């Protein structure tokens, strides 16, 4: 499964009731207030606001590639697209 457009948030989750695990991860590529391309990540337990991290990239392509790579790693760890 590939995602070409990361300008819209992609929400993935991983739920395992046996391990009391209910996590979400959100990935989006956009721009900050100074028009710098950024990779926006938000994660945490489902039902909470979670944490957020914004990474500034040199170009929009670099931010998108980092987002695709992160998405592939998370899908490999058992997260599913919501």
Protein backbone atom coordinates (compact mmCIF):
# COMPACT_ATOMS: atom_id res chain seq x y z
CA UNK A 1 0.00 0.00 0.00
CA UNK A 2 1.50 3.34 -1.01
CA UNK A 3 0.39 6.86 -0.27
CA UNK A 4 1.37 9.55 -2.73
CA UNK A 5 -0.38 12.49 -1.04
CA UNK A 6 0.73 13.13 2.52
CA UNK A 7 -0.67 16.68 2.55
CA UNK A 8 -3.80 15.20 4.14
CA UNK A 9 -3.33 13.56 7.55
CA UNK A 10 -2.97 9.78 7.48
CA UNK A 11 -4.23 8.18 10.68
CA UNK A 12 -3.07 4.69 11.60
CA UNK A 13 -3.75 2.69 14.75
CA UNK A 14 -2.69 -0.43 16.55
CA UNK A 15 -5.01 -2.17 19.00
CA UNK A 16 -4.16 -5.32 20.97
CA UNK A 17 -6.59 -5.93 23.82
CA UNK A 18 -4.52 -8.80 25.24
CA UNK A 19 -1.64 -6.37 25.83
CA UNK A 20 -3.91 -3.41 26.77
CA UNK A 21 -2.54 -1.55 23.74
CA UNK A 22 -4.56 1.09 21.89
CA UNK A 23 -2.26 3.48 20.01
CA UNK A 24 -2.65 5.93 17.18
CA UNK A 25 -0.16 7.64 14.89
CA UNK A 26 -0.90 10.52 12.52
CA UNK A 27 1.43 11.65 9.73
CA UNK A 28 1.09 14.80 7.63
CA UNK A 29 3.32 16.92 5.40
CA UNK A 30 2.75 20.66 5.20
CA UNK A 31 4.31 24.05 5.71
CA UNK A 32 5.08 26.06 8.84
CA UNK A 33 4.44 29.79 9.31
CA UNK A 34 7.64 30.66 7.43
CA UNK A 35 6.73 28.47 4.40
CA UNK A 36 9.29 25.80 5.30
CA UNK A 37 8.22 22.23 4.45
CA UNK A 38 7.60 20.16 7.58
CA UNK A 39 6.73 16.61 8.59
CA UNK A 40 4.10 16.67 11.34
CA UNK A 41 3.76 13.58 13.55
CA UNK A 42 1.24 13.02 16.31
CA UNK A 43 1.04 9.86 18.40
CA UNK A 44 -0.31 8.47 21.65
CA UNK A 45 -2.94 6.34 23.28
CA UNK A 46 -6.33 6.35 21.55
CA UNK A 47 -8.64 8.74 23.39
CA UNK A 48 -5.88 11.17 24.39
CA UNK A 49 -4.37 14.19 22.65
CA UNK A 50 -1.01 12.45 22.53
CA UNK A 51 2.27 14.09 21.65
CA UNK A 52 3.32 16.05 18.58
CA UNK A 53 6.61 16.60 16.81
CA UNK A 54 7.30 18.84 13.83
CA UNK A 55 10.45 18.21 11.77
CA UNK A 56 11.57 20.91 9.33
CA UNK A 57 12.83 19.55 6.00
CA UNK A 58 15.00 21.05 3.27
CA UNK A 59 12.36 20.43 0.60
CA UNK A 60 8.81 19.20 0.24
CA UNK A 61 10.09 16.03 -1.46
CA UNK A 62 12.38 15.31 1.50
CA UNK A 63 9.49 15.75 3.96
CA UNK A 64 7.25 13.46 1.88
CA UNK A 65 9.95 10.79 1.61
CA UNK A 66 10.51 10.89 5.37
CA UNK A 67 6.76 10.57 5.90
CA UNK A 68 6.48 7.60 3.53
CA UNK A 69 9.42 5.89 5.22
CA UNK A 70 7.90 6.43 8.66
CA UNK A 71 4.52 5.15 7.45
CA UNK A 72 6.11 2.00 6.02
CA UNK A 73 7.91 1.30 9.32
CA UNK A 74 4.71 1.74 11.33
CA UNK A 75 2.70 -0.48 8.98
CA UNK A 76 5.42 -3.11 9.32
CA UNK A 77 5.00 -3.00 13.11
CA UNK A 78 1.31 -3.84 12.94
CA UNK A 79 -0.40 -0.47 12.61
CA UNK A 80 -3.45 -0.38 10.32
CA UNK A 81 -4.84 2.51 8.29
CA UNK A 82 -8.10 3.83 9.76
